[in-house]
């Protein structure tokens, strides 16, 4: 029945991924996620404290 079900779904568009843009977005999210995680744990952090960690993380 798999083919019957698949026939009811539209074909997926083909996407080209720009690796540089994708990696830049990942790096931006890393800083935000680190800030939020540390803040939730009760640490006082700033973006300035996290940014150097991000450059060593890449």
PDB file of N, CA and C in Angstrom:
ATOM      1  N   UNK A   1       0.815  -1.199   0.000  1.00  0.00           N
ATOM      2  CA  UNK A   1       0.000   0.000   0.000  1.00  0.00           C
ATOM      3  C   UNK A   1       0.855   1.259   0.000  1.00  0.00           C
ATOM      4  N   UNK A   2       2.130   1.103   0.192  1.00  0.00           N
ATOM      5  CA  UNK A   2       3.022   2.271   0.282  1.00  0.00           C
ATOM      6  C   UNK A   2       2.912   3.157  -0.960  1.00  0.00           C
ATOM      7  N   UNK A   3       2.926   2.554  -2.143  1.00  0.00           N
ATOM      8  CA  UNK A   3       2.868   3.318  -3.383  1.00  0.00           C
ATOM      9  C   UNK A   3       1.550   4.081  -3.498  1.00  0.00           C
ATOM     10  N   UNK A   4       0.465   3.482  -3.033  1.00  0.00           N
ATOM     11  CA  UNK A   4      -0.842   4.151  -3.071  1.00  0.00           C
ATOM     12  C   UNK A   4      -0.840   5.403  -2.207  1.00  0.00           C
ATOM     13  N   UNK A   5      -0.233   5.299  -1.049  1.00  0.00           N
ATOM     14  CA  UNK A   5      -0.164   6.444  -0.134  1.00  0.00           C
ATOM     15  C   UNK A   5       0.740   7.524  -0.709  1.00  0.00           C
ATOM     16  N   UNK A   6       1.901   7.149  -1.196  1.00  0.00           N
ATOM     17  CA  UNK A   6       2.862   8.109  -1.742  1.00  0.00           C
ATOM     18  C   UNK A   6       2.244   8.892  -2.899  1.00  0.00           C
ATOM     19  N   UNK A   7       1.408   8.254  -3.690  1.00  0.00           N
ATOM     20  CA  UNK A   7       0.778   8.917  -4.837  1.00  0.00           C
ATOM     21  C   UNK A   7      -0.093  10.097  -4.422  1.00  0.00           C
ATOM     22  N   UNK A   8      -0.519  10.155  -3.168  1.00  0.00           N
ATOM     23  CA  UNK A   8      -1.377  11.246  -2.692  1.00  0.00           C
ATOM     24  C   UNK A   8      -0.579  12.455  -2.196  1.00  0.00           C
ATOM     25  N   UNK A   9       0.716  12.342  -2.129  1.00  0.00           N
ATOM     26  CA  UNK A   9       1.556  13.442  -1.672  1.00  0.00           C
ATOM     27  C   UNK A   9       2.189  14.142  -2.863  1.00  0.00           C
ATOM     28  N   UNK A  10       2.297  15.485  -2.800  1.00  0.00           N
ATOM     29  CA  UNK A  10       2.946  16.189  -3.909  1.00  0.00           C
ATOM     30  C   UNK A  10       4.450  15.895  -3.935  1.00  0.00           C
ATOM     31  N   UNK A  11       5.030  16.033  -5.104  1.00  0.00           N
ATOM     32  CA  UNK A  11       6.467  15.821  -5.232  1.00  0.00           C
ATOM     33  C   UNK A  11       7.214  16.920  -4.488  1.00  0.00           C
ATOM     34  N   UNK A  12       8.272  16.547  -3.814  1.00  0.00           N
ATOM     35  CA  UNK A  12       9.044  17.523  -3.050  1.00  0.00           C
ATOM     36  C   UNK A  12       9.878  18.384  -3.985  1.00  0.00           C
ATOM     37  N   UNK A  13       9.933  19.693  -3.714  1.00  0.00           N
ATOM     38  CA  UNK A  13      10.784  20.542  -4.542  1.00  0.00           C
ATOM     39  C   UNK A  13      12.259  20.233  -4.266  1.00  0.00           C
ATOM     40  N   UNK A  14      13.065  20.361  -5.282  1.00  0.00           N
ATOM     41  CA  UNK A  14      14.498  20.130  -5.123  1.00  0.00           C
ATOM     42  C   UNK A  14      15.139  21.402  -4.592  1.00  0.00           C
ATOM     43  N   UNK A  15      15.895  21.264  -3.523  1.00  0.00           N
ATOM     44  CA  UNK A  15      16.539  22.415  -2.907  1.00  0.00           C
ATOM     45  C   UNK A  15      18.046  22.295  -3.031  1.00  0.00           C
ATOM     46  N   UNK A  16      18.653  23.420  -3.287  1.00  0.00           N
ATOM     47  CA  UNK A  16      20.099  23.490  -3.266  1.00  0.00           C
ATOM     48  C   UNK A  16      20.489  24.184  -1.969  1.00  0.00           C
ATOM     49  N   UNK A  17      21.351  23.569  -1.216  1.00  0.00           N
ATOM     50  CA  UNK A  17      21.757  24.129   0.076  1.00  0.00           C
ATOM     51  C   UNK A  17      23.078  24.858  -0.094  1.00  0.00           C
ATOM     52  N   UNK A  18      23.079  26.127   0.324  1.00  0.00           N
ATOM     53  CA  UNK A  18      24.308  26.911   0.333  1.00  0.00           C
ATOM     54  C   UNK A  18      25.015  26.607   1.649  1.00  0.00           C
ATOM     55  N   UNK A  19      26.086  25.873   1.573  1.00  0.00           N
ATOM     56  CA  UNK A  19      26.780  25.397   2.773  1.00  0.00           C
ATOM     57  C   UNK A  19      27.290  26.554   3.623  1.00  0.00           C
ATOM     58  N   UNK A  20      27.828  27.599   3.009  1.00  0.00           N
ATOM     59  CA  UNK A  20      28.353  28.740   3.770  1.00  0.00           C
ATOM     60  C   UNK A  20      27.240  29.414   4.574  1.00  0.00           C
ATOM     61  N   UNK A  21      26.084  29.623   3.952  1.00  0.00           N
ATOM     62  CA  UNK A  21      24.955  30.247   4.642  1.00  0.00           C
ATOM     63  C   UNK A  21      24.457  29.347   5.763  1.00  0.00           C
ATOM     64  N   UNK A  22      24.356  28.064   5.484  1.00  0.00           N
ATOM     65  CA  UNK A  22      23.896  27.106   6.491  1.00  0.00           C
ATOM     66  C   UNK A  22      24.820  27.107   7.707  1.00  0.00           C
ATOM     67  N   UNK A  23      26.120  27.060   7.472  1.00  0.00           N
ATOM     68  CA  UNK A  23      27.075  27.033   8.582  1.00  0.00           C
ATOM     69  C   UNK A  23      27.050  28.337   9.369  1.00  0.00           C
ATOM     70  N   UNK A  24      26.849  29.467   8.694  1.00  0.00           N
ATOM     71  CA  UNK A  24      26.742  30.750   9.396  1.00  0.00           C
ATOM     72  C   UNK A  24      25.517  30.743  10.319  1.00  0.00           C
ATOM     73  N   UNK A  25      24.413  30.179   9.847  1.00  0.00           N
ATOM     74  CA  UNK A  25      23.213  30.079  10.678  1.00  0.00           C
ATOM     75  C   UNK A  25      23.448  29.173  11.881  1.00  0.00           C
ATOM     76  N   UNK A  26      24.162  28.079  11.680  1.00  0.00           N
ATOM     77  CA  UNK A  26      24.483  27.165  12.789  1.00  0.00           C
ATOM     78  C   UNK A  26      25.334  27.893  13.829  1.00  0.00           C
ATOM     79  N   UNK A  27      26.326  28.632  13.376  1.00  0.00           N
ATOM     80  CA  UNK A  27      27.200  29.370  14.303  1.00  0.00           C
ATOM     81  C   UNK A  27      26.405  30.410  15.090  1.00  0.00           C
ATOM     82  N   UNK A  28      25.481  31.112  14.428  1.00  0.00           N
ATOM     83  CA  UNK A  28      24.646  32.099  15.123  1.00  0.00           C
ATOM     84  C   UNK A  28      23.786  31.428  16.182  1.00  0.00           C
ATOM     85  N   UNK A  29      23.217  30.291  15.843  1.00  0.00           N
ATOM     86  CA  UNK A  29      22.367  29.574  16.793  1.00  0.00           C
ATOM     87  C   UNK A  29      23.175  29.028  17.965  1.00  0.00           C
ATOM     88  N   UNK A  30      24.432  28.678  17.735  1.00  0.00           N
ATOM     89  CA  UNK A  30      25.291  28.165  18.799  1.00  0.00           C
ATOM     90  C   UNK A  30      25.410  29.197  19.917  1.00  0.00           C
ATOM     91  N   UNK A  31      25.649  30.443  19.547  1.00  0.00           N
ATOM     92  CA  UNK A  31      25.804  31.499  20.543  1.00  0.00           C
ATOM     93  C   UNK A  31      24.507  31.695  21.320  1.00  0.00           C
ATOM     94  N   UNK A  32      23.388  31.759  20.611  1.00  0.00           N
ATOM     95  CA  UNK A  32      22.099  31.951  21.268  1.00  0.00           C
ATOM     96  C   UNK A  32      21.765  30.775  22.181  1.00  0.00           C
ATOM     97  N   UNK A  33      21.975  29.572  21.701  1.00  0.00           N
ATOM     98  CA  UNK A  33      21.685  28.386  22.509  1.00  0.00           C
ATOM     99  C   UNK A  33      22.570  28.324  23.748  1.00  0.00           C
ATOM    100  N   UNK A  34      23.840  28.640  23.588  1.00  0.00           N
ATOM    101  CA  UNK A  34      24.759  28.633  24.732  1.00  0.00           C
ATOM    102  C   UNK A  34      24.325  29.662  25.766  1.00  0.00           C
ATOM    103  N   UNK A  35      23.976  30.855  25.303  1.00  0.00           N
ATOM    104  CA  UNK A  35      23.534  31.915  26.208  1.00  0.00           C
ATOM    105  C   UNK A  35      22.300  31.471  26.990  1.00  0.00           C
ATOM    106  N   UNK A  36      21.307  30.932  26.270  1.00  0.00           N
ATOM    107  CA  UNK A  36      20.069  30.516  26.932  1.00  0.00           C
ATOM    108  C   UNK A  36      20.308  29.360  27.901  1.00  0.00           C
ATOM    109  N   UNK A  37      21.104  28.395  27.505  1.00  0.00           N
ATOM    110  CA  UNK A  37      21.368  27.246  28.366  1.00  0.00           C
ATOM    111  C   UNK A  37      22.071  27.665  29.647  1.00  0.00           C
ATOM    112  N   UNK A  38      23.086  28.497  29.514  1.00  0.00           N
ATOM    113  CA  UNK A  38      23.819  28.948  30.700  1.00  0.00           C
ATOM    114  C   UNK A  38      22.957  29.834  31.593  1.00  0.00           C
ATOM    115  N   UNK A  39      22.121  30.675  30.979  1.00  0.00           N
ATOM    116  CA  UNK A  39      21.229  31.539  31.752  1.00  0.00           C
ATOM    117  C   UNK A  39      20.227  30.713  32.548  1.00  0.00           C
ATOM    118  N   UNK A  40      19.694  29.683  31.925  1.00  0.00           N
ATOM    119  CA  UNK A  40      18.726  28.810  32.611  1.00  0.00           C
ATOM    120  C   UNK A  40      19.379  28.148  33.820  1.00  0.00           C
ATOM    121  N   UNK A  41      20.649  27.796  33.692  1.00  0.00           N
ATOM    122  CA  UNK A  41      21.373  27.159  34.794  1.00  0.00           C
ATOM    123  C   UNK A  41      21.749  28.149  35.882  1.00  0.00           C
ATOM    124  N   UNK A  42      21.477  29.439  35.658  1.00  0.00           N
ATOM    125  CA  UNK A  42      21.726  30.436  36.684  1.00  0.00           C
ATOM    126  C   UNK A  42      23.025  31.206  36.527  1.00  0.00           C
ATOM    127  N   UNK A  43      23.745  30.962  35.456  1.00  0.00           N
ATOM    128  CA  UNK A  43      24.983  31.691  35.225  1.00  0.00           C
ATOM    129  C   UNK A  43      24.683  33.060  34.638  1.00  0.00           C
ATOM    130  N   UNK A  44      25.490  34.037  35.007  1.00  0.00           N
ATOM    131  CA  UNK A  44      25.382  35.356  34.406  1.00  0.00           C
ATOM    132  C   UNK A  44      26.360  35.396  33.244  1.00  0.00           C
ATOM    133  N   UNK A  45      25.838  35.447  32.065  1.00  0.00           N
ATOM    134  CA  UNK A  45      26.682  35.434  30.871  1.00  0.00           C
ATOM    135  C   UNK A  45      26.272  36.555  29.937  1.00  0.00           C
ATOM    136  N   UNK A  46      27.193  36.913  29.066  1.00  0.00           N
ATOM    137  CA  UNK A  46      26.917  37.879  28.014  1.00  0.00           C
ATOM    138  C   UNK A  46      27.377  37.273  26.700  1.00  0.00           C
ATOM    139  N   UNK A  47      26.927  37.860  25.626  1.00  0.00           N
ATOM    140  CA  UNK A  47      27.364  37.390  24.307  1.00  0.00           C
ATOM    141  C   UNK A  47      28.882  37.528  24.181  1.00  0.00           C
ATOM    142  N   UNK A  48      29.437  38.543  24.812  1.00  0.00           N
ATOM    143  CA  UNK A  48      30.880  38.771  24.741  1.00  0.00           C
ATOM    144  C   UNK A  48      31.662  37.632  25.394  1.00  0.00           C
ATOM    145  N   UNK A  49      31.091  37.020  26.417  1.00  0.00           N
ATOM    146  CA  UNK A  49      31.746  35.876  27.062  1.00  0.00           C
ATOM    147  C   UNK A  49      31.650  34.618  26.198  1.00  0.00           C
ATOM    148  N   UNK A  50      30.569  34.492  25.452  1.00  0.00           N
ATOM    149  CA  UNK A  50      30.345  33.286  24.658  1.00  0.00           C
ATOM    150  C   UNK A  50      31.045  33.347  23.305  1.00  0.00           C
ATOM    151  N   UNK A  51      31.132  34.520  22.710  1.00  0.00           N
ATOM    152  CA  UNK A  51      31.713  34.650  21.368  1.00  0.00           C
ATOM    153  C   UNK A  51      33.095  34.012  21.245  1.00  0.00           C
ATOM    154  N   UNK A  52      34.035  34.225  22.177  1.00  0.00           N
ATOM    155  CA  UNK A  52      35.338  33.565  22.044  1.00  0.00           C
ATOM    156  C   UNK A  52      35.236  32.041  22.055  1.00  0.00           C
ATOM    157  N   UNK A  53      34.283  31.516  22.809  1.00  0.00           N
ATOM    158  CA  UNK A  53      34.085  30.064  22.830  1.00  0.00           C
ATOM    159  C   UNK A  53      33.606  29.576  21.472  1.00  0.00           C
ATOM    160  N   UNK A  54      32.783  30.369  20.815  1.00  0.00           N
ATOM    161  CA  UNK A  54      32.269  29.996  19.509  1.00  0.00           C
ATOM    162  C   UNK A  54      33.386  29.911  18.481  1.00  0.00           C
ATOM    163  N   UNK A  55      34.363  30.805  18.549  1.00  0.00           N
ATOM    164  CA  UNK A  55      35.454  30.773  17.577  1.00  0.00           C
ATOM    165  C   UNK A  55      36.363  29.563  17.799  1.00  0.00           C
ATOM    166  N   UNK A  56      36.472  29.090  19.029  1.00  0.00           N
ATOM    167  CA  UNK A  56      37.288  27.893  19.272  1.00  0.00           C
ATOM    168  C   UNK A  56      36.490  26.627  18.982  1.00  0.00           C
ATOM    169  N   UNK A  57      35.166  26.741  18.963  1.00  0.00           N
ATOM    170  CA  UNK A  57      34.282  25.602  18.696  1.00  0.00           C
ATOM    171  C   UNK A  57      34.312  25.213  17.231  1.00  0.00           C
ATOM    172  N   UNK A  58      34.526  26.168  16.306  1.00  0.00           N
ATOM    173  CA  UNK A  58      34.482  25.883  14.861  1.00  0.00           C
ATOM    174  C   UNK A  58      35.694  25.141  14.391  1.00  0.00           C
TER     175      UNK A  58
END
